[in-house]
Amino acid sequence: MTATGSITVAGFQFGLYNQSELALVFETGFEDFLSTASEDLHRSLVFKEGFTSVGIEKTLYQAKTGDQILWEIIEGNSERWFLVYHPQNGTLQQQAQYDPAQQTWTIHCEAQQIQKDKVLNPLAYPMAPLLWYVLTTEEPLLLMHASGILDGQKGRIFAGFSGVGKSTMAGIWERNGAQVINDDRLLLKKEKDGSWRMYNTPMYYRALPATAPLKAIYLPYHSAQNTCQPITGALALANLLAFTIHHGYDPTHVLHHSNVAEDLLQTVSIAKLGVVPTDAIIDFIKANEQSAS
C-alpha cells in the first residue's frame, strides 16, 4: 500500500491511503498542510467508502452540543471506535478506528456528490481534531483552545473559556505588527532540544502552517485595570489543564497529559492576566516580563 500524499501538522506526517475508487476532498483549511508523502511518515490514515457494521458494546465518551452528539467513543467488535456525526444535522458522518500498535487510523465514510462527481471527504469536521487529540495522548503535545501570537521574538498564548478575550488579544497584537499563529486551536509541542513551540492546525478557513517558540501563557479576564498574577505549582498545573483538551475516558491519557503539562511548566511561565482591551496591554505585558526576568 502506497501513500498518495500526506498531511503535516506540528511536524508529524500523516500518510494518506485511499482504498476507494473515489477522489478525496478536504476542507479549505487543509490546503496548505497537504504535500506529497515522504518515507518518514508518523501516522497512517486509511480511507474506505461506506460504513461498516459496528455493534456497540459500551459507550466510553460522548461530546455534545446541547442534546446533539458531535462524536462518541464506543467499544464495539472488541475494538475502540470513534463515531462522528454531522455538526448540523446529526447524521453519522464517519466511523473511525485507531490501531495504536500500527499507529494507523481506518476511517469509513459515505460518498458525497459535488457537482457531477462522487467524492470522499473523510476528515470533515469534527473528525480531524480527533486525530490531533489522539496524537497528544502519545506524544509530548497538548491541544489547547487558545490564541497564539509571535511578536517577532517571543511567542505568547492567551487561553481561557469563550468570552474572556482570546481573539480580542490576538487582534490587538496583530494590529500592532505581531503574527497570529491561530486564534482558536493550538498544539503545544516539546521539541527534541527540550524547547516548546506552538503550532496551528487546519481550520475551516485557509491559513499557512505556522509555528512560534512558546515563552509565556496568559489566562486573560476582563478587568477595570491591567493586572498580572504569576501562578506556580499545583495551581499553575490545574489552570493549564483546565484549558487543554482532554477527554478523560482513559486514565493513561489523563496521566500523560498531566505529565506533559507539568514538564511544560518547568520552562514556560503562566499568569492570570486582568485586561483592559486597549493597545496599552502590550506594553504592560512586556514590562512585567522584563521585571520578572
Protein backbone atom coordinates (compact mmCIF):
# COMPACT_ATOMS: atom_id res chain seq x y z
CA MET A 1 0.00 0.00 0.00
CA THR A 2 1.47 3.32 -1.12
CA ALA A 3 0.56 6.70 0.33
CA THR A 4 -0.93 9.12 -2.16
CA GLY A 5 0.07 12.15 -0.10
CA SER A 6 0.36 13.40 3.44
CA ILE A 7 -0.89 15.98 5.91
CA THR A 8 1.76 17.55 8.15
CA VAL A 9 0.68 19.04 11.48
CA ALA A 10 3.16 20.14 14.18
CA GLY A 11 5.92 18.30 12.34
CA PHE A 12 4.03 14.98 12.28
CA GLN A 13 3.28 13.50 8.87
CA PHE A 14 0.01 11.62 8.38
CA GLY A 15 0.21 9.41 5.29
CA LEU A 16 -2.96 9.24 3.15
CA TYR A 17 -4.12 5.86 1.81
CA ASN A 18 -7.26 5.91 -0.31
CA GLN A 19 -8.83 2.44 -0.56
CA SER A 20 -11.82 3.67 -2.53
CA GLU A 21 -12.11 4.46 -6.22
CA LEU A 22 -13.30 7.98 -5.43
CA ALA A 23 -11.29 11.18 -5.30
CA LEU A 24 -10.53 12.64 -1.87
CA VAL A 25 -11.55 16.16 -0.91
CA PHE A 26 -10.59 18.09 2.20
CA GLU A 27 -11.87 21.26 3.81
CA THR A 28 -10.32 24.58 2.78
CA GLY A 29 -8.06 24.78 5.81
CA PHE A 30 -6.13 21.66 4.81
CA GLU A 31 -4.91 23.09 1.52
CA ASP A 32 -1.52 24.33 2.75
CA PHE A 33 -0.96 21.37 5.10
CA LEU A 34 -1.12 18.83 2.24
CA SER A 35 2.01 17.57 0.48
CA THR A 36 3.42 14.53 -1.26
CA ALA A 37 4.23 11.62 1.01
CA SER A 38 7.77 11.09 2.23
CA GLU A 39 9.33 7.93 3.64
CA ASP A 40 9.24 9.49 7.12
CA LEU A 41 5.56 9.02 7.98
CA HIS A 42 4.48 9.16 11.62
CA ARG A 43 0.85 8.03 11.33
CA SER A 44 -1.30 6.46 8.60
CA LEU A 45 -4.83 7.41 7.52
CA VAL A 46 -6.67 4.70 5.57
CA PHE A 47 -9.91 5.84 3.92
CA LYS A 48 -12.73 3.49 2.93
CA GLU A 49 -16.04 4.17 1.20
CA GLY A 50 -19.19 3.16 3.06
CA PHE A 51 -19.99 2.34 6.65
CA THR A 52 -19.34 -0.97 8.34
CA SER A 53 -21.37 -2.82 10.95
CA VAL A 54 -20.25 -1.92 14.47
CA GLY A 55 -22.09 -3.39 17.43
CA ILE A 56 -21.98 -1.02 20.40
CA GLU A 57 -20.87 -2.96 23.48
CA LYS A 58 -20.10 0.04 25.70
CA THR A 59 -20.14 3.84 25.34
CA LEU A 60 -16.93 5.34 26.75
CA TYR A 61 -17.39 9.04 26.00
CA GLN A 62 -19.77 11.46 24.27
CA ALA A 63 -19.14 15.02 23.12
CA LYS A 64 -22.35 17.01 22.82
CA THR A 65 -23.64 20.41 21.75
CA GLY A 66 -26.88 20.74 23.66
CA ASP A 67 -28.73 17.47 23.07
CA GLN A 68 -26.87 16.64 19.85
CA ILE A 69 -23.94 14.23 19.92
CA LEU A 70 -20.97 15.56 17.92
CA TRP A 71 -18.99 12.37 18.34
CA GLU A 72 -18.71 9.43 20.69
CA ILE A 73 -16.20 6.75 21.58
CA ILE A 74 -17.52 3.23 21.91
CA GLU A 75 -16.27 -0.29 22.37
CA GLY A 76 -17.56 -2.43 19.52
CA ASN A 77 -16.39 -5.59 17.77
CA SER A 78 -13.80 -5.82 20.61
CA GLU A 79 -12.24 -2.55 19.40
CA ARG A 80 -12.44 1.13 20.28
CA TRP A 81 -14.36 3.14 17.68
CA PHE A 82 -14.99 6.85 17.12
CA LEU A 83 -18.44 7.58 15.72
CA VAL A 84 -18.54 11.11 14.32
CA TYR A 85 -21.74 12.97 13.42
CA HIS A 86 -22.56 15.88 11.13
CA PRO A 87 -22.46 19.03 13.30
CA GLN A 88 -25.63 20.48 11.75
CA ASN A 89 -27.99 17.57 11.11
CA GLY A 90 -26.60 14.91 13.47
CA THR A 91 -26.34 12.11 10.88
CA LEU A 92 -23.45 9.66 11.04
CA GLN A 93 -20.50 11.16 9.15
CA GLN A 94 -17.51 8.92 9.89
CA GLN A 95 -16.70 5.67 11.64
CA ALA A 96 -13.05 5.62 12.69
CA GLN A 97 -10.91 3.01 14.38
CA TYR A 98 -7.37 3.67 15.59
CA ASP A 99 -4.75 0.94 15.93
CA PRO A 100 -2.12 2.27 18.37
CA ALA A 101 0.28 -0.61 17.67
CA GLN A 102 0.37 0.24 13.95
CA GLN A 103 -0.37 3.95 14.54
CA THR A 104 -2.99 3.67 11.81
CA TRP A 105 -6.46 5.18 11.51
CA THR A 106 -9.09 3.43 9.38
CA ILE A 107 -11.85 5.89 8.53
CA HIS A 108 -15.13 4.90 6.89
CA CYS A 109 -17.41 7.48 5.28
CA GLU A 110 -20.02 7.60 2.56
CA ALA A 111 -19.61 9.27 -0.81
CA GLN A 112 -20.75 12.83 -1.38
CA GLN A 113 -21.97 14.35 -4.62
CA ILE A 114 -20.09 17.53 -5.60
CA GLN A 115 -21.43 18.82 -8.90
CA LYS A 116 -21.10 15.79 -11.23
CA ASP A 117 -18.55 13.88 -9.17
CA LYS A 118 -18.79 11.49 -6.26
CA VAL A 119 -16.03 12.09 -3.70
CA LEU A 120 -14.96 11.19 -0.18
CA ASN A 121 -14.48 13.88 2.47
CA PRO A 122 -13.08 11.66 5.25
CA LEU A 123 -11.73 14.35 7.59
CA ALA A 124 -14.75 16.66 7.62
CA TYR A 125 -15.15 18.44 10.98
CA PRO A 126 -15.18 17.25 13.73
CA MET A 127 -13.15 14.21 12.59
CA ALA A 128 -9.83 15.96 12.02
CA PRO A 129 -9.43 17.48 15.52
CA LEU A 130 -9.83 13.95 16.92
CA LEU A 131 -6.68 12.97 15.03
CA TRP A 132 -4.74 15.78 16.69
CA TYR A 133 -6.21 14.89 20.08
CA VAL A 134 -5.23 11.21 19.89
CA LEU A 135 -1.75 12.31 18.77
CA THR A 136 -1.46 14.26 22.05
CA THR A 137 -2.13 11.08 24.02
CA GLU A 138 1.02 9.50 22.56
CA GLU A 139 3.46 12.39 22.01
CA PRO A 140 4.80 15.33 24.09
CA LEU A 141 1.92 17.54 22.96
CA LEU A 142 -1.01 19.47 24.39
CA LEU A 143 -4.02 20.66 22.37
CA MET A 144 -5.41 23.97 23.63
CA HIS A 145 -8.30 26.31 23.00
CA ALA A 146 -6.21 29.46 22.83
CA SER A 147 -4.97 32.28 20.66
CA GLY A 148 -1.25 32.45 19.98
CA ILE A 149 0.88 35.32 18.73
CA LEU A 150 4.51 35.95 17.76
CA ASP A 151 5.85 39.47 18.11
CA GLY A 152 8.97 38.66 16.09
CA GLN A 153 10.91 37.24 19.02
CA LYS A 154 8.59 35.83 21.66
CA GLY A 155 5.55 33.62 21.31
CA ARG A 156 2.71 34.03 23.80
CA ILE A 157 -0.63 32.30 24.12
CA PHE A 158 -3.88 33.53 25.66
CA ALA A 159 -6.09 30.70 26.92
CA GLY A 160 -9.49 30.56 28.55
CA PHE A 161 -13.15 29.83 28.10
CA SER A 162 -15.24 31.55 25.43
CA GLY A 163 -15.73 35.25 26.02
CA VAL A 164 -12.62 36.01 28.08
CA GLY A 165 -10.98 37.89 25.22
CA LYS A 166 -8.64 35.44 23.47
CA SER A 167 -9.50 36.68 19.99
CA THR A 168 -9.55 40.29 21.20
CA MET A 169 -5.99 39.90 22.49
CA ALA A 170 -4.89 38.34 19.21
CA GLY A 171 -6.44 41.27 17.32
CA ILE A 172 -4.68 43.87 19.50
CA TRP A 173 -1.29 42.25 18.94
CA GLU A 174 -1.93 41.76 15.21
CA ARG A 175 -2.74 45.41 14.57
CA ASN A 176 0.50 46.26 16.34
CA GLY A 177 2.57 44.13 13.98
CA ALA A 178 2.52 40.68 15.58
CA GLN A 179 1.72 37.45 13.71
CA VAL A 180 -1.30 35.47 14.84
CA ILE A 181 -0.40 31.78 14.85
CA ASN A 182 -4.03 30.78 15.47
CA ASP A 183 -6.87 32.28 17.48
CA ASP A 184 -8.74 29.09 18.39
CA ARG A 185 -6.87 25.77 18.43
CA LEU A 186 -3.15 25.28 19.03
CA LEU A 187 -0.81 22.35 19.51
CA LEU A 188 1.96 22.87 22.08
CA LYS A 189 4.93 20.61 21.39
CA LYS A 190 8.13 19.78 23.22
CA GLU A 191 10.91 19.70 20.64
CA LYS A 192 13.90 17.36 20.66
CA ASP A 193 16.12 20.11 22.12
CA GLY A 194 13.76 20.50 25.09
CA SER A 195 12.23 23.80 23.95
CA TRP A 196 8.49 24.31 23.50
CA ARG A 197 6.73 25.59 20.40
CA MET A 198 3.15 26.31 19.39
CA TYR A 199 1.70 25.15 16.06
CA ASN A 200 -1.54 25.94 14.28
CA THR A 201 -3.81 23.22 12.94
CA PRO A 202 -6.04 23.12 9.83
CA MET A 203 -9.20 25.16 10.38
CA TYR A 204 -12.33 25.89 8.32
CA TYR A 205 -10.52 28.79 6.62
CA ARG A 206 -7.27 28.82 4.66
CA ALA A 207 -4.12 29.60 6.61
CA LEU A 208 -0.47 28.70 6.07
CA PRO A 209 1.16 26.34 8.58
CA ALA A 210 2.64 28.50 11.34
CA THR A 211 4.77 27.98 14.43
CA ALA A 212 6.47 30.06 17.11
CA PRO A 213 8.60 29.50 20.21
CA LEU A 214 6.42 29.36 23.31
CA LYS A 215 7.66 31.61 26.11
CA ALA A 216 4.59 32.56 28.16
CA ILE A 217 0.99 31.54 28.78
CA TYR A 218 -1.61 34.06 29.93
CA LEU A 219 -5.11 33.44 31.23
CA PRO A 220 -6.95 36.68 30.44
CA TYR A 221 -10.09 38.00 32.12
CA HIS A 222 -11.95 41.31 31.93
CA SER A 223 -10.72 43.82 34.50
CA ALA A 224 -11.00 47.51 35.38
CA GLN A 225 -7.21 47.74 35.13
CA ASN A 226 -4.36 45.74 33.67
CA THR A 227 -3.02 43.27 36.23
CA CYS A 228 -0.71 40.27 36.12
CA GLN A 229 -0.55 37.49 38.70
CA PRO A 230 2.03 34.76 38.05
CA ILE A 231 0.95 31.31 39.26
CA THR A 232 3.07 28.27 40.06
CA GLY A 233 2.90 24.74 41.40
CA ALA A 234 -0.33 22.78 41.59
CA LEU A 235 -2.40 25.91 40.86
CA ALA A 236 -0.50 26.50 37.63
CA LEU A 237 -0.91 22.86 36.59
CA ALA A 238 -4.65 22.89 37.33
CA ASN A 239 -5.16 26.12 35.38
CA LEU A 240 -3.20 24.90 32.39
CA LEU A 241 -5.05 21.59 32.23
CA ALA A 242 -8.38 23.42 32.53
CA PHE A 243 -7.82 24.94 29.08
CA THR A 244 -6.22 21.98 27.33
CA ILE A 245 -8.40 19.48 25.51
CA HIS A 246 -8.55 16.13 27.28
CA HIS A 247 -11.49 13.77 27.29
CA GLY A 248 -10.90 11.73 30.42
CA TYR A 249 -12.22 8.36 29.18
CA ASP A 250 -8.79 6.70 29.51
CA PRO A 251 -6.74 7.12 32.74
CA THR A 252 -3.47 6.61 30.86
CA HIS A 253 -4.29 9.62 28.66
CA VAL A 254 -5.08 11.78 31.69
CA LEU A 255 -1.76 10.85 33.32
CA HIS A 256 0.13 11.50 30.08
CA HIS A 257 -1.39 14.96 29.64
CA SER A 258 -0.72 15.82 33.28
CA ASN A 259 2.93 14.80 32.93
CA VAL A 260 3.35 16.77 29.70
CA ALA A 261 1.75 19.87 31.26
CA GLU A 262 3.99 19.61 34.32
CA ASP A 263 7.02 19.34 32.04
CA LEU A 264 5.94 22.41 30.07
CA LEU A 265 5.57 24.49 33.23
CA GLN A 266 9.21 23.85 34.14
CA THR A 267 10.28 26.30 31.43
CA VAL A 268 7.18 28.26 30.34
CA SER A 269 5.64 30.84 32.68
CA ILE A 270 1.89 31.10 33.26
CA ALA A 271 -0.06 34.01 34.75
CA LYS A 272 -3.59 35.28 35.24
CA LEU A 273 -3.99 38.49 33.26
CA GLY A 274 -6.54 41.18 34.04
CA VAL A 275 -7.14 43.03 30.77
CA VAL A 276 -8.38 46.42 29.68
CA PRO A 277 -8.64 45.72 25.92
CA THR A 278 -6.53 48.57 24.53
CA ASP A 279 -3.10 48.68 22.92
CA ALA A 280 -1.62 49.55 26.33
CA ILE A 281 -1.89 45.88 27.34
CA ILE A 282 1.09 45.08 25.09
CA ASP A 283 3.50 47.41 26.89
CA PHE A 284 2.06 46.25 30.22
CA ILE A 285 2.82 42.59 29.42
CA LYS A 286 6.32 43.34 28.13
CA ALA A 287 7.13 45.47 31.19
CA ASN A 288 6.01 42.68 33.52
CA GLU A 289 8.06 40.12 31.65
CA GLN A 290 11.14 42.34 31.79
CA SER A 291 10.80 42.92 35.53
CA ALA A 292 10.40 39.19 36.13
CA SER A 293 13.50 38.23 34.16
